[in-house]
């Protein structure tokens, strides 16, 4: 996986940890929508980079 894609995945995960994973409050709808959109973009990039030898599913 490229360094750029690795960085995007880490940043995407950080948003989950900081803003969306708390069980004591509802997530911000705008942040969640952006997070999901970025997740789909990341999945597309993953498919382009490693799709020849890995199955990429858009489930999150």
PDB file of N, CA and C in Angstrom:
ATOM      1  N   UNK A   1       0.851  -1.167   0.000  1.00  0.00           N
ATOM      2  CA  UNK A   1       0.000   0.000   0.000  1.00  0.00           C
ATOM      3  C   UNK A   1       0.900   1.234   0.000  1.00  0.00           C
ATOM      4  N   UNK A   2       0.534   2.202  -0.807  1.00  0.00           N
ATOM      5  CA  UNK A   2       1.361   3.411  -0.919  1.00  0.00           C
ATOM      6  C   UNK A   2       1.369   4.201   0.387  1.00  0.00           C
ATOM      7  N   UNK A   3       2.403   5.008   0.536  1.00  0.00           N
ATOM      8  CA  UNK A   3       2.523   5.848   1.729  1.00  0.00           C
ATOM      9  C   UNK A   3       1.356   6.838   1.814  1.00  0.00           C
ATOM     10  N   UNK A   4       0.963   7.404   0.690  1.00  0.00           N
ATOM     11  CA  UNK A   4      -0.145   8.364   0.684  1.00  0.00           C
ATOM     12  C   UNK A   4      -1.451   7.709   1.136  1.00  0.00           C
ATOM     13  N   UNK A   5      -1.715   6.513   0.630  1.00  0.00           N
ATOM     14  CA  UNK A   5      -2.945   5.822   1.026  1.00  0.00           C
ATOM     15  C   UNK A   5      -2.882   5.402   2.493  1.00  0.00           C
ATOM     16  N   UNK A   6      -1.723   4.973   2.947  1.00  0.00           N
ATOM     17  CA  UNK A   6      -1.557   4.628   4.360  1.00  0.00           C
ATOM     18  C   UNK A   6      -1.878   5.825   5.248  1.00  0.00           C
ATOM     19  N   UNK A   7      -1.403   6.987   4.855  1.00  0.00           N
ATOM     20  CA  UNK A   7      -1.670   8.207   5.619  1.00  0.00           C
ATOM     21  C   UNK A   7      -3.166   8.537   5.628  1.00  0.00           C
ATOM     22  N   UNK A   8      -3.838   8.348   4.496  1.00  0.00           N
ATOM     23  CA  UNK A   8      -5.286   8.622   4.434  1.00  0.00           C
ATOM     24  C   UNK A   8      -6.060   7.670   5.346  1.00  0.00           C
ATOM     25  N   UNK A   9      -5.665   6.404   5.352  1.00  0.00           N
ATOM     26  CA  UNK A   9      -6.345   5.422   6.205  1.00  0.00           C
ATOM     27  C   UNK A   9      -6.138   5.778   7.674  1.00  0.00           C
ATOM     28  N   UNK A  10      -4.932   6.163   8.031  1.00  0.00           N
ATOM     29  CA  UNK A  10      -4.664   6.559   9.421  1.00  0.00           C
ATOM     30  C   UNK A  10      -5.485   7.774   9.823  1.00  0.00           C
ATOM     31  N   UNK A  11      -5.548   8.780   8.964  1.00  0.00           N
ATOM     32  CA  UNK A  11      -6.334   9.980   9.258  1.00  0.00           C
ATOM     33  C   UNK A  11      -7.809   9.642   9.359  1.00  0.00           C
ATOM     34  N   UNK A  12      -8.292   8.769   8.487  1.00  0.00           N
ATOM     35  CA  UNK A  12      -9.692   8.339   8.492  1.00  0.00           C
ATOM     36  C   UNK A  12     -10.011   7.622   9.809  1.00  0.00           C
ATOM     37  N   UNK A  13      -9.103   6.765  10.233  1.00  0.00           N
ATOM     38  CA  UNK A  13      -9.280   6.048  11.499  1.00  0.00           C
ATOM     39  C   UNK A  13      -9.258   7.021  12.676  1.00  0.00           C
ATOM     40  N   UNK A  14      -8.390   8.002  12.624  1.00  0.00           N
ATOM     41  CA  UNK A  14      -8.320   8.995  13.700  1.00  0.00           C
ATOM     42  C   UNK A  14      -9.644   9.734  13.869  1.00  0.00           C
ATOM     43  N   UNK A  15     -10.303  10.055  12.764  1.00  0.00           N
ATOM     44  CA  UNK A  15     -11.619  10.704  12.852  1.00  0.00           C
ATOM     45  C   UNK A  15     -12.592   9.775  13.570  1.00  0.00           C
ATOM     46  N   UNK A  16     -12.554   8.500  13.242  1.00  0.00           N
ATOM     47  CA  UNK A  16     -13.427   7.531  13.925  1.00  0.00           C
ATOM     48  C   UNK A  16     -13.155   7.547  15.432  1.00  0.00           C
ATOM     49  N   UNK A  17     -11.897   7.443  15.788  1.00  0.00           N
ATOM     50  CA  UNK A  17     -11.530   7.403  17.206  1.00  0.00           C
ATOM     51  C   UNK A  17     -11.932   8.683  17.943  1.00  0.00           C
ATOM     52  N   UNK A  18     -11.701   9.824  17.335  1.00  0.00           N
ATOM     53  CA  UNK A  18     -11.907  11.100  18.017  1.00  0.00           C
ATOM     54  C   UNK A  18     -13.349  11.580  17.992  1.00  0.00           C
ATOM     55  N   UNK A  19     -14.081  11.298  16.928  1.00  0.00           N
ATOM     56  CA  UNK A  19     -15.389  11.938  16.767  1.00  0.00           C
ATOM     57  C   UNK A  19     -16.568  10.987  16.651  1.00  0.00           C
ATOM     58  N   UNK A  20     -16.327   9.735  16.321  1.00  0.00           N
ATOM     59  CA  UNK A  20     -17.464   8.874  16.005  1.00  0.00           C
ATOM     60  C   UNK A  20     -17.594   7.627  16.867  1.00  0.00           C
ATOM     61  N   UNK A  21     -16.597   7.265  17.623  1.00  0.00           N
ATOM     62  CA  UNK A  21     -16.644   5.998  18.342  1.00  0.00           C
ATOM     63  C   UNK A  21     -17.238   6.086  19.749  1.00  0.00           C
ATOM     64  N   UNK A  22     -17.460   7.287  20.239  1.00  0.00           N
ATOM     65  CA  UNK A  22     -17.967   7.438  21.610  1.00  0.00           C
ATOM     66  C   UNK A  22     -19.374   6.858  21.734  1.00  0.00           C
ATOM     67  N   UNK A  23     -19.576   6.087  22.773  1.00  0.00           N
ATOM     68  CA  UNK A  23     -20.881   5.465  22.993  1.00  0.00           C
ATOM     69  C   UNK A  23     -21.816   6.345  23.809  1.00  0.00           C
ATOM     70  N   UNK A  24     -21.287   7.404  24.398  1.00  0.00           N
ATOM     71  CA  UNK A  24     -22.093   8.233  25.286  1.00  0.00           C
ATOM     72  C   UNK A  24     -22.758   9.425  24.588  1.00  0.00           C
ATOM     73  N   UNK A  25     -22.578   9.520  23.269  1.00  0.00           N
ATOM     74  CA  UNK A  25     -23.211  10.617  22.534  1.00  0.00           C
ATOM     75  C   UNK A  25     -23.437  10.199  21.084  1.00  0.00           C
ATOM     76  N   UNK A  26     -24.380  10.871  20.445  1.00  0.00           N
ATOM     77  CA  UNK A  26     -24.614  10.623  19.028  1.00  0.00           C
ATOM     78  C   UNK A  26     -23.531  11.315  18.210  1.00  0.00           C
ATOM     79  N   UNK A  27     -23.082  10.669  17.132  1.00  0.00           N
ATOM     80  CA  UNK A  27     -22.052  11.307  16.305  1.00  0.00           C
ATOM     81  C   UNK A  27     -22.615  12.498  15.541  1.00  0.00           C
ATOM     82  N   UNK A  28     -21.766  13.460  15.251  1.00  0.00           N
ATOM     83  CA  UNK A  28     -22.132  14.606  14.443  1.00  0.00           C
ATOM     84  C   UNK A  28     -22.433  14.102  13.022  1.00  0.00           C
ATOM     85  N   UNK A  29     -23.617  14.427  12.508  1.00  0.00           N
ATOM     86  CA  UNK A  29     -24.052  13.909  11.212  1.00  0.00           C
ATOM     87  C   UNK A  29     -23.154  14.367  10.063  1.00  0.00           C
ATOM     88  N   UNK A  30     -22.681  15.593  10.115  1.00  0.00           N
ATOM     89  CA  UNK A  30     -21.825  16.107   9.046  1.00  0.00           C
ATOM     90  C   UNK A  30     -20.476  15.389   9.052  1.00  0.00           C
ATOM     91  N   UNK A  31     -19.896  15.221  10.234  1.00  0.00           N
ATOM     92  CA  UNK A  31     -18.612  14.519  10.347  1.00  0.00           C
ATOM     93  C   UNK A  31     -18.775  13.075   9.888  1.00  0.00           C
ATOM     94  N   UNK A  32     -19.868  12.436  10.305  1.00  0.00           N
ATOM     95  CA  UNK A  32     -20.088  11.048   9.903  1.00  0.00           C
ATOM     96  C   UNK A  32     -20.252  10.928   8.392  1.00  0.00           C
ATOM     97  N   UNK A  33     -20.980  11.831   7.767  1.00  0.00           N
ATOM     98  CA  UNK A  33     -21.160  11.788   6.309  1.00  0.00           C
ATOM     99  C   UNK A  33     -19.830  11.959   5.587  1.00  0.00           C
ATOM    100  N   UNK A  34     -19.011  12.885   6.064  1.00  0.00           N
ATOM    101  CA  UNK A  34     -17.691  13.089   5.461  1.00  0.00           C
ATOM    102  C   UNK A  34     -16.810  11.859   5.664  1.00  0.00           C
ATOM    103  N   UNK A  35     -16.890  11.265   6.854  1.00  0.00           N
ATOM    104  CA  UNK A  35     -16.102  10.072   7.165  1.00  0.00           C
ATOM    105  C   UNK A  35     -16.486   8.922   6.234  1.00  0.00           C
ATOM    106  N   UNK A  36     -17.790   8.732   6.052  1.00  0.00           N
ATOM    107  CA  UNK A  36     -18.248   7.660   5.155  1.00  0.00           C
ATOM    108  C   UNK A  36     -17.820   7.923   3.710  1.00  0.00           C
ATOM    109  N   UNK A  37     -17.936   9.175   3.256  1.00  0.00           N
ATOM    110  CA  UNK A  37     -17.513   9.514   1.887  1.00  0.00           C
ATOM    111  C   UNK A  37     -16.024   9.247   1.699  1.00  0.00           C
ATOM    112  N   UNK A  38     -15.221   9.639   2.678  1.00  0.00           N
ATOM    113  CA  UNK A  38     -13.782   9.384   2.605  1.00  0.00           C
ATOM    114  C   UNK A  38     -13.511   7.880   2.631  1.00  0.00           C
ATOM    115  N   UNK A  39     -14.261   7.142   3.409  1.00  0.00           N
ATOM    116  CA  UNK A  39     -14.107   5.684   3.432  1.00  0.00           C
ATOM    117  C   UNK A  39     -14.357   5.062   2.074  1.00  0.00           C
ATOM    118  N   UNK A  40     -15.363   5.537   1.372  1.00  0.00           N
ATOM    119  CA  UNK A  40     -15.634   5.024   0.027  1.00  0.00           C
ATOM    120  C   UNK A  40     -14.510   5.398  -0.939  1.00  0.00           C
ATOM    121  N   UNK A  41     -13.978   6.621  -0.812  1.00  0.00           N
ATOM    122  CA  UNK A  41     -12.848   7.022  -1.661  1.00  0.00           C
ATOM    123  C   UNK A  41     -11.621   6.151  -1.363  1.00  0.00           C
ATOM    124  N   UNK A  42     -11.388   5.897  -0.090  1.00  0.00           N
ATOM    125  CA  UNK A  42     -10.257   5.043   0.291  1.00  0.00           C
ATOM    126  C   UNK A  42     -10.444   3.636  -0.275  1.00  0.00           C
ATOM    127  N   UNK A  43     -11.641   3.108  -0.199  1.00  0.00           N
ATOM    128  CA  UNK A  43     -11.895   1.764  -0.737  1.00  0.00           C
ATOM    129  C   UNK A  43     -11.621   1.719  -2.240  1.00  0.00           C
ATOM    130  N   UNK A  44     -12.004   2.766  -2.950  1.00  0.00           N
ATOM    131  CA  UNK A  44     -11.730   2.822  -4.387  1.00  0.00           C
ATOM    132  C   UNK A  44     -10.221   2.862  -4.648  1.00  0.00           C
ATOM    133  N   UNK A  45      -9.507   3.650  -3.870  1.00  0.00           N
ATOM    134  CA  UNK A  45      -8.059   3.723  -4.025  1.00  0.00           C
ATOM    135  C   UNK A  45      -7.398   2.389  -3.683  1.00  0.00           C
ATOM    136  N   UNK A  46      -7.890   1.739  -2.637  1.00  0.00           N
ATOM    137  CA  UNK A  46      -7.370   0.411  -2.280  1.00  0.00           C
ATOM    138  C   UNK A  46      -7.596  -0.574  -3.419  1.00  0.00           C
ATOM    139  N   UNK A  47      -8.788  -0.538  -3.994  1.00  0.00           N
ATOM    140  CA  UNK A  47      -9.090  -1.439  -5.104  1.00  0.00           C
ATOM    141  C   UNK A  47      -8.137  -1.187  -6.272  1.00  0.00           C
ATOM    142  N   UNK A  48      -7.832   0.079  -6.532  1.00  0.00           N
ATOM    143  CA  UNK A  48      -6.912   0.401  -7.623  1.00  0.00           C
ATOM    144  C   UNK A  48      -5.496  -0.075  -7.326  1.00  0.00           C
ATOM    145  N   UNK A  49      -5.092   0.011  -6.057  1.00  0.00           N
ATOM    146  CA  UNK A  49      -3.724  -0.370  -5.695  1.00  0.00           C
ATOM    147  C   UNK A  49      -3.547  -1.872  -5.490  1.00  0.00           C
ATOM    148  N   UNK A  50      -4.497  -2.511  -4.830  1.00  0.00           N
ATOM    149  CA  UNK A  50      -4.286  -3.924  -4.464  1.00  0.00           C
ATOM    150  C   UNK A  50      -5.434  -4.837  -4.893  1.00  0.00           C
ATOM    151  N   UNK A  51      -6.332  -4.319  -5.700  1.00  0.00           N
ATOM    152  CA  UNK A  51      -7.507  -5.086  -6.103  1.00  0.00           C
ATOM    153  C   UNK A  51      -7.217  -6.329  -6.919  1.00  0.00           C
ATOM    154  N   UNK A  52      -6.025  -6.405  -7.512  1.00  0.00           N
ATOM    155  CA  UNK A  52      -5.686  -7.598  -8.291  1.00  0.00           C
ATOM    156  C   UNK A  52      -5.485  -8.825  -7.409  1.00  0.00           C
ATOM    157  N   UNK A  53      -5.172  -8.630  -6.135  1.00  0.00           N
ATOM    158  CA  UNK A  53      -4.920  -9.763  -5.258  1.00  0.00           C
ATOM    159  C   UNK A  53      -5.635  -9.674  -3.917  1.00  0.00           C
ATOM    160  N   UNK A  54      -6.584  -8.750  -3.806  1.00  0.00           N
ATOM    161  CA  UNK A  54      -7.367  -8.621  -2.556  1.00  0.00           C
ATOM    162  C   UNK A  54      -8.789  -8.189  -2.894  1.00  0.00           C
ATOM    163  N   UNK A  55      -9.731  -8.688  -2.124  1.00  0.00           N
ATOM    164  CA  UNK A  55     -11.131  -8.256  -2.272  1.00  0.00           C
ATOM    165  C   UNK A  55     -11.358  -7.055  -1.357  1.00  0.00           C
ATOM    166  N   UNK A  56     -11.880  -5.984  -1.921  1.00  0.00           N
ATOM    167  CA  UNK A  56     -12.148  -4.766  -1.171  1.00  0.00           C
ATOM    168  C   UNK A  56     -13.656  -4.620  -1.061  1.00  0.00           C
ATOM    169  N   UNK A  57     -14.158  -4.544   0.165  1.00  0.00           N
ATOM    170  CA  UNK A  57     -15.590  -4.376   0.406  1.00  0.00           C
ATOM    171  C   UNK A  57     -15.849  -3.015   1.042  1.00  0.00           C
ATOM    172  N   UNK A  58     -16.928  -2.390   0.631  1.00  0.00           N
ATOM    173  CA  UNK A  58     -17.323  -1.078   1.146  1.00  0.00           C
ATOM    174  C   UNK A  58     -18.336  -1.293   2.280  1.00  0.00           C
ATOM    175  N   UNK A  59     -17.871  -1.769   3.409  1.00  0.00           N
ATOM    176  CA  UNK A  59     -18.767  -2.001   4.561  1.00  0.00           C
ATOM    177  C   UNK A  59     -18.194  -1.325   5.790  1.00  0.00           C
ATOM    178  N   UNK A  60     -18.845  -0.250   6.207  1.00  0.00           N
ATOM    179  CA  UNK A  60     -18.448   0.426   7.425  1.00  0.00           C
ATOM    180  C   UNK A  60     -19.571   1.294   7.888  1.00  0.00           C
TER     181      UNK A  60
END
